[in-house]
C-alpha atoms as a PDB file:
ATOM      1  CA  UNK A   1      -3.260   6.804 -11.590  1.00  0.00           C
ATOM      2  CA  UNK A   2      -2.479   3.128 -12.033  1.00  0.00           C
ATOM      3  CA  UNK A   3      -0.796   1.121  -9.265  1.00  0.00           C
ATOM      4  CA  UNK A   4      -0.302  -2.577  -8.689  1.00  0.00           C
ATOM      5  CA  UNK A   5      -1.355  -3.971  -5.326  1.00  0.00           C
ATOM      6  CA  UNK A   6      -0.104  -7.525  -4.776  1.00  0.00           C
ATOM      7  CA  UNK A   7       0.194  -7.806  -8.596  1.00  0.00           C
ATOM      8  CA  UNK A   8      -3.412  -6.655  -9.248  1.00  0.00           C
ATOM      9  CA  UNK A   9      -3.858  -3.363 -11.112  1.00  0.00           C
ATOM     10  CA  UNK A  10      -5.950  -0.641  -9.462  1.00  0.00           C
ATOM     11  CA  UNK A  11      -6.822   2.940 -10.383  1.00  0.00           C
ATOM     12  CA  UNK A  12      -6.446   5.378  -7.471  1.00  0.00           C
ATOM     13  CA  UNK A  13      -6.251   9.141  -7.111  1.00  0.00           C
ATOM     14  CA  UNK A  14      -2.700  10.530  -7.005  1.00  0.00           C
ATOM     15  CA  UNK A  15      -1.470  10.826  -3.442  1.00  0.00           C
ATOM     16  CA  UNK A  16       0.168   8.954  -0.624  1.00  0.00           C
ATOM     17  CA  UNK A  17       0.470   5.311   0.261  1.00  0.00           C
ATOM     18  CA  UNK A  18      -1.793   5.910   3.277  1.00  0.00           C
ATOM     19  CA  UNK A  19      -4.520   7.417   1.075  1.00  0.00           C
ATOM     20  CA  UNK A  20      -4.312   4.549  -1.432  1.00  0.00           C
ATOM     21  CA  UNK A  21      -4.518   1.961   1.338  1.00  0.00           C
ATOM     22  CA  UNK A  22      -7.586   3.690   2.768  1.00  0.00           C
ATOM     23  CA  UNK A  23      -9.236   3.762  -0.670  1.00  0.00           C
ATOM     24  CA  UNK A  24      -8.482   0.074  -1.209  1.00  0.00           C
ATOM     25  CA  UNK A  25      -9.969  -1.015   2.134  1.00  0.00           C
ATOM     26  CA  UNK A  26      -6.844  -1.408   4.259  1.00  0.00           C
ATOM     27  CA  UNK A  27      -7.334   1.656   6.479  1.00  0.00           C
ATOM     28  CA  UNK A  28      -6.792   0.935  10.160  1.00  0.00           C
ATOM     29  CA  UNK A  29      -5.670  -2.657   9.619  1.00  0.00           C
ATOM     30  CA  UNK A  30      -2.420  -4.072  10.980  1.00  0.00           C
ATOM     31  CA  UNK A  31      -0.414  -4.734   7.825  1.00  0.00           C
ATOM     32  CA  UNK A  32       3.125  -4.590   6.504  1.00  0.00           C
ATOM     33  CA  UNK A  33       3.748  -2.622   3.323  1.00  0.00           C
ATOM     34  CA  UNK A  34       6.399  -2.253   0.654  1.00  0.00           C
ATOM     35  CA  UNK A  35       6.560   0.024  -2.375  1.00  0.00           C
ATOM     36  CA  UNK A  36       8.650  -1.168  -5.302  1.00  0.00           C
ATOM     37  CA  UNK A  37      10.321  -3.749  -3.072  1.00  0.00           C
ATOM     38  CA  UNK A  38      11.237  -1.358  -0.248  1.00  0.00           C
ATOM     39  CA  UNK A  39       9.627  -1.708   3.185  1.00  0.00           C
ATOM     40  CA  UNK A  40       7.514   1.286   4.267  1.00  0.00           C
ATOM     41  CA  UNK A  41       6.842   1.595   8.001  1.00  0.00           C
ATOM     42  CA  UNK A  42       3.323   2.527   9.109  1.00  0.00           C
ATOM     43  CA  UNK A  43       4.522   5.933  10.342  1.00  0.00           C
ATOM     44  CA  UNK A  44       5.982   6.728   6.897  1.00  0.00           C
ATOM     45  CA  UNK A  45       2.873   5.871   4.847  1.00  0.00           C
ATOM     46  CA  UNK A  46       1.250   9.339   5.108  1.00  0.00           C
ATOM     47  CA  UNK A  47       4.363  10.966   3.618  1.00  0.00           C
ATOM     48  CA  UNK A  48       5.161   8.291   1.015  1.00  0.00           C
ATOM     49  CA  UNK A  49       4.017   9.705  -2.328  1.00  0.00           C
ATOM     50  CA  UNK A  50       3.037   7.193  -4.986  1.00  0.00           C
ATOM     51  CA  UNK A  51       3.792   7.426  -8.703  1.00  0.00           C
ATOM     52  CA  UNK A  52       1.981   5.920 -11.655  1.00  0.00           C
ATOM     53  CA  UNK A  53       2.966   2.267 -12.033  1.00  0.00           C
ATOM     54  CA  UNK A  54       4.216   1.780  -8.465  1.00  0.00           C
ATOM     55  CA  UNK A  55       4.059  -1.753  -7.109  1.00  0.00           C
ATOM     56  CA  UNK A  56       2.693  -2.076  -3.587  1.00  0.00           C
ATOM     57  CA  UNK A  57       2.870  -5.227  -1.515  1.00  0.00           C
ATOM     58  CA  UNK A  58       0.581  -5.660   1.479  1.00  0.00           C
ATOM     59  CA  UNK A  59       0.985  -8.511   3.937  1.00  0.00           C
ATOM     60  CA  UNK A  60      -1.373  -9.093   6.867  1.00  0.00           C
ATOM     61  CA  UNK A  61      -0.305 -11.138   9.884  1.00  0.00           C
ATOM     62  CA  UNK A  62      -1.970 -14.516  10.215  1.00  0.00           C
ATOM     63  CA  UNK A  63      -2.749 -16.399  13.395  1.00  0.00           C
ATOM     64  CA  UNK A  64      -2.350 -20.094  13.741  1.00  0.00           C
ATOM     65  CA  UNK A  65       0.315 -22.603  14.257  1.00  0.00           C
END
């Protein structure tokens, strides 16, 4: 299925947000996520089913000052 991750299109197998993040190289990383503009907590990712055309935003914390 087709999803958009930070505005870039990707093809992933149907499934959950957690599975898509793992496939796209974000597994185990400390990140914040949103699906279609709604925040998704880390604990909710394994039960958040994705649909074709969903828009996922991933933000990683940055260090510095």
